[in-house]
Amino acid sequence: MKNEKQRVCIYPKDIQRITGKSYRQSTRLMQKVKTDLNKLENEFLTIDEFCLYTGIKYEQVAHLIFG
């Protein structure tokens, strides 16, 4: 059996793939989400938090992130 690893955190490159925005715009969006969710600078943003914030379903973004 293949043990597939899936990560929990989302990164600007993932947001770029999901939204079609530039890497820099994706970084800004990620920072805005973190600020609005009252996350500290050293805290990661999870895929679920991003999906809840943007209103995009997890199933729609999973294949873009995990391939």
PDB file of N, CA and C in Angstrom:
ATOM      1  N   MET A   1       0.827  -1.188   0.000  1.00  0.00           N
ATOM      2  CA  MET A   1       0.000   0.000   0.000  1.00  0.00           C
ATOM      3  C   MET A   1       0.867   1.245   0.000  1.00  0.00           C
ATOM      4  N   LYS A   2       0.423   2.214  -0.694  1.00  0.00           N
ATOM      5  CA  LYS A   2       1.152   3.474  -0.779  1.00  0.00           C
ATOM      6  C   LYS A   2       0.690   4.402   0.344  1.00  0.00           C
ATOM      7  N   ASN A   3       1.640   4.876   1.128  1.00  0.00           N
ATOM      8  CA  ASN A   3       1.324   5.803   2.210  1.00  0.00           C
ATOM      9  C   ASN A   3       1.479   7.220   1.679  1.00  0.00           C
ATOM     10  N   GLU A   4       0.363   7.844   1.373  1.00  0.00           N
ATOM     11  CA  GLU A   4       0.387   9.176   0.771  1.00  0.00           C
ATOM     12  C   GLU A   4       0.434  10.246   1.855  1.00  0.00           C
ATOM     13  N   LYS A   5       1.445  11.101   1.780  1.00  0.00           N
ATOM     14  CA  LYS A   5       1.568  12.189   2.743  1.00  0.00           C
ATOM     15  C   LYS A   5       0.849  13.418   2.207  1.00  0.00           C
ATOM     16  N   GLN A   6       0.008  13.975   3.043  1.00  0.00           N
ATOM     17  CA  GLN A   6      -0.661  15.213   2.676  1.00  0.00           C
ATOM     18  C   GLN A   6      -0.382  16.227   3.762  1.00  0.00           C
ATOM     19  N   ARG A   7      -0.019  17.403   3.350  1.00  0.00           N
ATOM     20  CA  ARG A   7       0.304  18.434   4.329  1.00  0.00           C
ATOM     21  C   ARG A   7      -0.934  19.213   4.723  1.00  0.00           C
ATOM     22  N   VAL A   8      -0.803  19.946   5.803  1.00  0.00           N
ATOM     23  CA  VAL A   8      -1.918  20.700   6.365  1.00  0.00           C
ATOM     24  C   VAL A   8      -1.819  22.172   5.998  1.00  0.00           C
ATOM     25  N   CYS A   9      -0.605  22.668   5.848  1.00  0.00           N
ATOM     26  CA  CYS A   9      -0.373  24.101   5.630  1.00  0.00           C
ATOM     27  C   CYS A   9      -0.500  24.469   4.154  1.00  0.00           C
ATOM     28  N   ILE A  10      -0.856  25.714   3.934  1.00  0.00           N
ATOM     29  CA  ILE A  10      -0.946  26.239   2.573  1.00  0.00           C
ATOM     30  C   ILE A  10       0.120  27.315   2.406  1.00  0.00           C
ATOM     31  N   TYR A  11       0.660  27.410   1.219  1.00  0.00           N
ATOM     32  CA  TYR A  11       1.735  28.346   0.917  1.00  0.00           C
ATOM     33  C   TYR A  11       1.337  29.240  -0.261  1.00  0.00           C
ATOM     34  N   PRO A  12       2.041  30.354  -0.444  1.00  0.00           N
ATOM     35  CA  PRO A  12       1.695  31.267  -1.545  1.00  0.00           C
ATOM     36  C   PRO A  12       1.660  30.591  -2.920  1.00  0.00           C
ATOM     37  N   LYS A  13       2.536  29.633  -3.151  1.00  0.00           N
ATOM     38  CA  LYS A  13       2.551  28.938  -4.445  1.00  0.00           C
ATOM     39  C   LYS A  13       1.239  28.171  -4.659  1.00  0.00           C
ATOM     40  N   ASP A  14       0.699  27.604  -3.586  1.00  0.00           N
ATOM     41  CA  ASP A  14      -0.593  26.911  -3.676  1.00  0.00           C
ATOM     42  C   ASP A  14      -1.709  27.897  -3.997  1.00  0.00           C
ATOM     43  N   ILE A  15      -1.685  29.039  -3.318  1.00  0.00           N
ATOM     44  CA  ILE A  15      -2.700  30.073  -3.550  1.00  0.00           C
ATOM     45  C   ILE A  15      -2.603  30.586  -4.983  1.00  0.00           C
ATOM     46  N   GLN A  16      -1.383  30.670  -5.497  1.00  0.00           N
ATOM     47  CA  GLN A  16      -1.171  31.089  -6.881  1.00  0.00           C
ATOM     48  C   GLN A  16      -1.832  30.096  -7.837  1.00  0.00           C
ATOM     49  N   ARG A  17      -1.679  28.811  -7.576  1.00  0.00           N
ATOM     50  CA  ARG A  17      -2.295  27.789  -8.432  1.00  0.00           C
ATOM     51  C   ARG A  17      -3.818  27.838  -8.359  1.00  0.00           C
ATOM     52  N   ILE A  18      -4.342  28.110  -7.162  1.00  0.00           N
ATOM     53  CA  ILE A  18      -5.793  28.123  -6.962  1.00  0.00           C
ATOM     54  C   ILE A  18      -6.434  29.342  -7.616  1.00  0.00           C
ATOM     55  N   THR A  19      -5.841  30.520  -7.396  1.00  0.00           N
ATOM     56  CA  THR A  19      -6.473  31.771  -7.819  1.00  0.00           C
ATOM     57  C   THR A  19      -6.026  32.262  -9.186  1.00  0.00           C
ATOM     58  N   GLY A  20      -4.850  31.840  -9.628  1.00  0.00           N
ATOM     59  CA  GLY A  20      -4.319  32.343 -10.890  1.00  0.00           C
ATOM     60  C   GLY A  20      -3.634  33.688 -10.745  1.00  0.00           C
ATOM     61  N   LYS A  21      -3.491  34.159  -9.521  1.00  0.00           N
ATOM     62  CA  LYS A  21      -2.820  35.441  -9.276  1.00  0.00           C
ATOM     63  C   LYS A  21      -1.311  35.237  -9.288  1.00  0.00           C
ATOM     64  N   SER A  22      -0.580  36.337  -9.303  1.00  0.00           N
ATOM     65  CA  SER A  22       0.873  36.255  -9.261  1.00  0.00           C
ATOM     66  C   SER A  22       1.317  35.777  -7.882  1.00  0.00           C
ATOM     67  N   TYR A  23       2.582  35.384  -7.780  1.00  0.00           N
ATOM     68  CA  TYR A  23       3.121  34.923  -6.499  1.00  0.00           C
ATOM     69  C   TYR A  23       3.042  36.033  -5.457  1.00  0.00           C
ATOM     70  N   ARG A  24       3.360  37.240  -5.863  1.00  0.00           N
ATOM     71  CA  ARG A  24       3.334  38.369  -4.928  1.00  0.00           C
ATOM     72  C   ARG A  24       1.911  38.665  -4.439  1.00  0.00           C
ATOM     73  N   GLN A  25       0.951  38.646  -5.349  1.00  0.00           N
ATOM     74  CA  GLN A  25      -0.443  38.858  -4.954  1.00  0.00           C
ATOM     75  C   GLN A  25      -0.935  37.723  -4.047  1.00  0.00           C
ATOM     76  N   SER A  26      -0.464  36.521  -4.308  1.00  0.00           N
ATOM     77  CA  SER A  26      -0.830  35.383  -3.470  1.00  0.00           C
ATOM     78  C   SER A  26      -0.263  35.534  -2.066  1.00  0.00           C
ATOM     79  N   THR A  27       0.948  36.059  -1.969  1.00  0.00           N
ATOM     80  CA  THR A  27       1.555  36.319  -0.663  1.00  0.00           C
ATOM     81  C   THR A  27       0.758  37.370   0.090  1.00  0.00           C
ATOM     82  N   ARG A  28       0.340  38.410  -0.605  1.00  0.00           N
ATOM     83  CA  ARG A  28      -0.470  39.457   0.029  1.00  0.00           C
ATOM     84  C   ARG A  28      -1.808  38.903   0.510  1.00  0.00           C
ATOM     85  N   LEU A  29      -2.439  38.075  -0.303  1.00  0.00           N
ATOM     86  CA  LEU A  29      -3.709  37.470   0.088  1.00  0.00           C
ATOM     87  C   LEU A  29      -3.523  36.588   1.318  1.00  0.00           C
ATOM     88  N   MET A  30      -2.445  35.822   1.336  1.00  0.00           N
ATOM     89  CA  MET A  30      -2.168  34.963   2.480  1.00  0.00           C
ATOM     90  C   MET A  30      -1.971  35.790   3.751  1.00  0.00           C
ATOM     91  N   GLN A  31      -1.248  36.897   3.646  1.00  0.00           N
ATOM     92  CA  GLN A  31      -1.044  37.774   4.800  1.00  0.00           C
ATOM     93  C   GLN A  31      -2.362  38.389   5.262  1.00  0.00           C
ATOM     94  N   LYS A  32      -3.221  38.754   4.326  1.00  0.00           N
ATOM     95  CA  LYS A  32      -4.526  39.329   4.677  1.00  0.00           C
ATOM     96  C   LYS A  32      -5.382  38.309   5.419  1.00  0.00           C
ATOM     97  N   VAL A  33      -5.379  37.082   4.950  1.00  0.00           N
ATOM     98  CA  VAL A  33      -6.146  36.027   5.609  1.00  0.00           C
ATOM     99  C   VAL A  33      -5.617  35.813   7.023  1.00  0.00           C
ATOM    100  N   LYS A  34      -4.295  35.739   7.155  1.00  0.00           N
ATOM    101  CA  LYS A  34      -3.698  35.538   8.478  1.00  0.00           C
ATOM    102  C   LYS A  34      -4.031  36.694   9.416  1.00  0.00           C
ATOM    103  N   THR A  35      -3.989  37.912   8.917  1.00  0.00           N
ATOM    104  CA  THR A  35      -4.315  39.089   9.731  1.00  0.00           C
ATOM    105  C   THR A  35      -5.775  39.055  10.160  1.00  0.00           C
ATOM    106  N   ASP A  36      -6.660  38.768   9.224  1.00  0.00           N
ATOM    107  CA  ASP A  36      -8.088  38.734   9.529  1.00  0.00           C
ATOM    108  C   ASP A  36      -8.452  37.611  10.505  1.00  0.00           C
ATOM    109  N   LEU A  37      -7.663  36.540  10.507  1.00  0.00           N
ATOM    110  CA  LEU A  37      -7.903  35.426  11.428  1.00  0.00           C
ATOM    111  C   LEU A  37      -7.127  35.590  12.737  1.00  0.00           C
ATOM    112  N   ASN A  38      -6.500  36.747  12.912  1.00  0.00           N
ATOM    113  CA  ASN A  38      -5.732  37.060  14.124  1.00  0.00           C
ATOM    114  C   ASN A  38      -4.627  36.047  14.407  1.00  0.00           C
ATOM    115  N   LYS A  39      -3.933  35.639  13.359  1.00  0.00           N
ATOM    116  CA  LYS A  39      -2.814  34.715  13.520  1.00  0.00           C
ATOM    117  C   LYS A  39      -1.534  35.505  13.736  1.00  0.00           C
ATOM    118  N   LEU A  40      -0.650  34.945  14.534  1.00  0.00           N
ATOM    119  CA  LEU A  40       0.644  35.565  14.751  1.00  0.00           C
ATOM    120  C   LEU A  40       1.519  35.361  13.523  1.00  0.00           C
ATOM    121  N   GLU A  41       2.586  36.135  13.446  1.00  0.00           N
ATOM    122  CA  GLU A  41       3.472  36.081  12.281  1.00  0.00           C
ATOM    123  C   GLU A  41       4.102  34.700  12.106  1.00  0.00           C
ATOM    124  N   ASN A  42       4.377  34.019  13.217  1.00  0.00           N
ATOM    125  CA  ASN A  42       5.054  32.722  13.143  1.00  0.00           C
ATOM    126  C   ASN A  42       4.091  31.542  12.998  1.00  0.00           C
ATOM    127  N   GLU A  43       2.785  31.805  12.958  1.00  0.00           N
ATOM    128  CA  GLU A  43       1.805  30.730  12.819  1.00  0.00           C
ATOM    129  C   GLU A  43       1.518  30.447  11.347  1.00  0.00           C
ATOM    130  N   PHE A  44       1.314  29.181  11.056  1.00  0.00           N
ATOM    131  CA  PHE A  44       1.006  28.766   9.693  1.00  0.00           C
ATOM    132  C   PHE A  44      -0.482  28.916   9.409  1.00  0.00           C
ATOM    133  N   LEU A  45      -0.811  29.015   8.137  1.00  0.00           N
ATOM    134  CA  LEU A  45      -2.198  29.058   7.685  1.00  0.00           C
ATOM    135  C   LEU A  45      -2.539  27.676   7.137  1.00  0.00           C
ATOM    136  N   THR A  46      -3.628  27.107   7.609  1.00  0.00           N
ATOM    137  CA  THR A  46      -4.006  25.778   7.136  1.00  0.00           C
ATOM    138  C   THR A  46      -4.867  25.884   5.878  1.00  0.00           C
ATOM    139  N   ILE A  47      -4.928  24.798   5.168  1.00  0.00           N
ATOM    140  CA  ILE A  47      -5.739  24.743   3.955  1.00  0.00           C
ATOM    141  C   ILE A  47      -7.210  24.942   4.308  1.00  0.00           C
ATOM    142  N   ASP A  48      -7.649  24.337   5.406  1.00  0.00           N
ATOM    143  CA  ASP A  48      -9.048  24.486   5.837  1.00  0.00           C
ATOM    144  C   ASP A  48      -9.384  25.930   6.168  1.00  0.00           C
ATOM    145  N   GLU A  49      -8.482  26.628   6.855  1.00  0.00           N
ATOM    146  CA  GLU A  49      -8.714  28.035   7.192  1.00  0.00           C
ATOM    147  C   GLU A  49      -8.823  28.883   5.932  1.00  0.00           C
ATOM    148  N   PHE A  50      -7.955  28.621   4.963  1.00  0.00           N
ATOM    149  CA  PHE A  50      -7.999  29.354   3.703  1.00  0.00           C
ATOM    150  C   PHE A  50      -9.320  29.094   2.980  1.00  0.00           C
ATOM    151  N   CYS A  51      -9.749  27.846   2.960  1.00  0.00           N
ATOM    152  CA  CYS A  51     -11.004  27.491   2.288  1.00  0.00           C
ATOM    153  C   CYS A  51     -12.198  28.155   2.958  1.00  0.00           C
ATOM    154  N   LEU A  52     -12.233  28.149   4.282  1.00  0.00           N
ATOM    155  CA  LEU A  52     -13.329  28.801   4.999  1.00  0.00           C
ATOM    156  C   LEU A  52     -13.351  30.297   4.727  1.00  0.00           C
ATOM    157  N   TYR A  53     -12.178  30.914   4.713  1.00  0.00           N
ATOM    158  CA  TYR A  53     -12.087  32.360   4.507  1.00  0.00           C
ATOM    159  C   TYR A  53     -12.541  32.753   3.105  1.00  0.00           C
ATOM    160  N   THR A  54     -12.109  31.997   2.106  1.00  0.00           N
ATOM    161  CA  THR A  54     -12.400  32.359   0.718  1.00  0.00           C
ATOM    162  C   THR A  54     -13.733  31.809   0.223  1.00  0.00           C
ATOM    163  N   GLY A  55     -14.284  30.833   0.931  1.00  0.00           N
ATOM    164  CA  GLY A  55     -15.542  30.238   0.495  1.00  0.00           C
ATOM    165  C   GLY A  55     -15.373  29.191  -0.590  1.00  0.00           C
ATOM    166  N   ILE A  56     -14.160  28.743  -0.794  1.00  0.00           N
ATOM    167  CA  ILE A  56     -13.885  27.700  -1.782  1.00  0.00           C
ATOM    168  C   ILE A  56     -13.900  26.355  -1.065  1.00  0.00           C
ATOM    169  N   LYS A  57     -14.518  25.363  -1.661  1.00  0.00           N
ATOM    170  CA  LYS A  57     -14.593  24.042  -1.044  1.00  0.00           C
ATOM    171  C   LYS A  57     -13.235  23.345  -1.115  1.00  0.00           C
ATOM    172  N   TYR A  58     -12.943  22.591  -0.068  1.00  0.00           N
ATOM    173  CA  TYR A  58     -11.675  21.862   0.020  1.00  0.00           C
ATOM    174  C   TYR A  58     -11.486  20.932  -1.177  1.00  0.00           C
ATOM    175  N   GLU A  59     -12.550  20.276  -1.582  1.00  0.00           N
ATOM    176  CA  GLU A  59     -12.469  19.324  -2.692  1.00  0.00           C
ATOM    177  C   GLU A  59     -12.038  19.998  -3.993  1.00  0.00           C
ATOM    178  N   GLN A  60     -12.381  21.276  -4.139  1.00  0.00           N
ATOM    179  CA  GLN A  60     -12.021  22.000  -5.355  1.00  0.00           C
ATOM    180  C   GLN A  60     -10.544  22.374  -5.388  1.00  0.00           C
ATOM    181  N   VAL A  61      -9.928  22.542  -4.229  1.00  0.00           N
ATOM    182  CA  VAL A  61      -8.533  22.976  -4.204  1.00  0.00           C
ATOM    183  C   VAL A  61      -7.558  21.830  -3.964  1.00  0.00           C
ATOM    184  N   ALA A  62      -8.026  20.717  -3.424  1.00  0.00           N
ATOM    185  CA  ALA A  62      -7.129  19.616  -3.064  1.00  0.00           C
ATOM    186  C   ALA A  62      -6.331  19.109  -4.264  1.00  0.00           C
ATOM    187  N   HIS A  63      -6.984  18.925  -5.386  1.00  0.00           N
ATOM    188  CA  HIS A  63      -6.267  18.399  -6.559  1.00  0.00           C
ATOM    189  C   HIS A  63      -5.258  19.415  -7.101  1.00  0.00           C
ATOM    190  N   LEU A  64      -5.490  20.697  -6.893  1.00  0.00           N
ATOM    191  CA  LEU A  64      -4.536  21.714  -7.335  1.00  0.00           C
ATOM    192  C   LEU A  64      -3.307  21.753  -6.433  1.00  0.00           C
ATOM    193  N   ILE A  65      -3.499  21.461  -5.161  1.00  0.00           N
ATOM    194  CA  ILE A  65      -2.394  21.495  -4.207  1.00  0.00           C
ATOM    195  C   ILE A  65      -1.604  20.191  -4.233  1.00  0.00           C
ATOM    196  N   PHE A  66      -2.300  19.070  -4.212  1.00  0.00           N
ATOM    197  CA  PHE A  66      -1.636  17.773  -4.090  1.00  0.00           C
ATOM    198  C   PHE A  66      -1.380  17.084  -5.426  1.00  0.00           C
ATOM    199  N   GLY A  67      -1.912  17.640  -6.488  1.00  0.00           N
ATOM    200  CA  GLY A  67      -1.641  17.113  -7.817  1.00  0.00           C
ATOM    201  C   GLY A  67      -2.504  16.002  -8.278  1.00  0.00           C
TER     202      GLY A  67
END
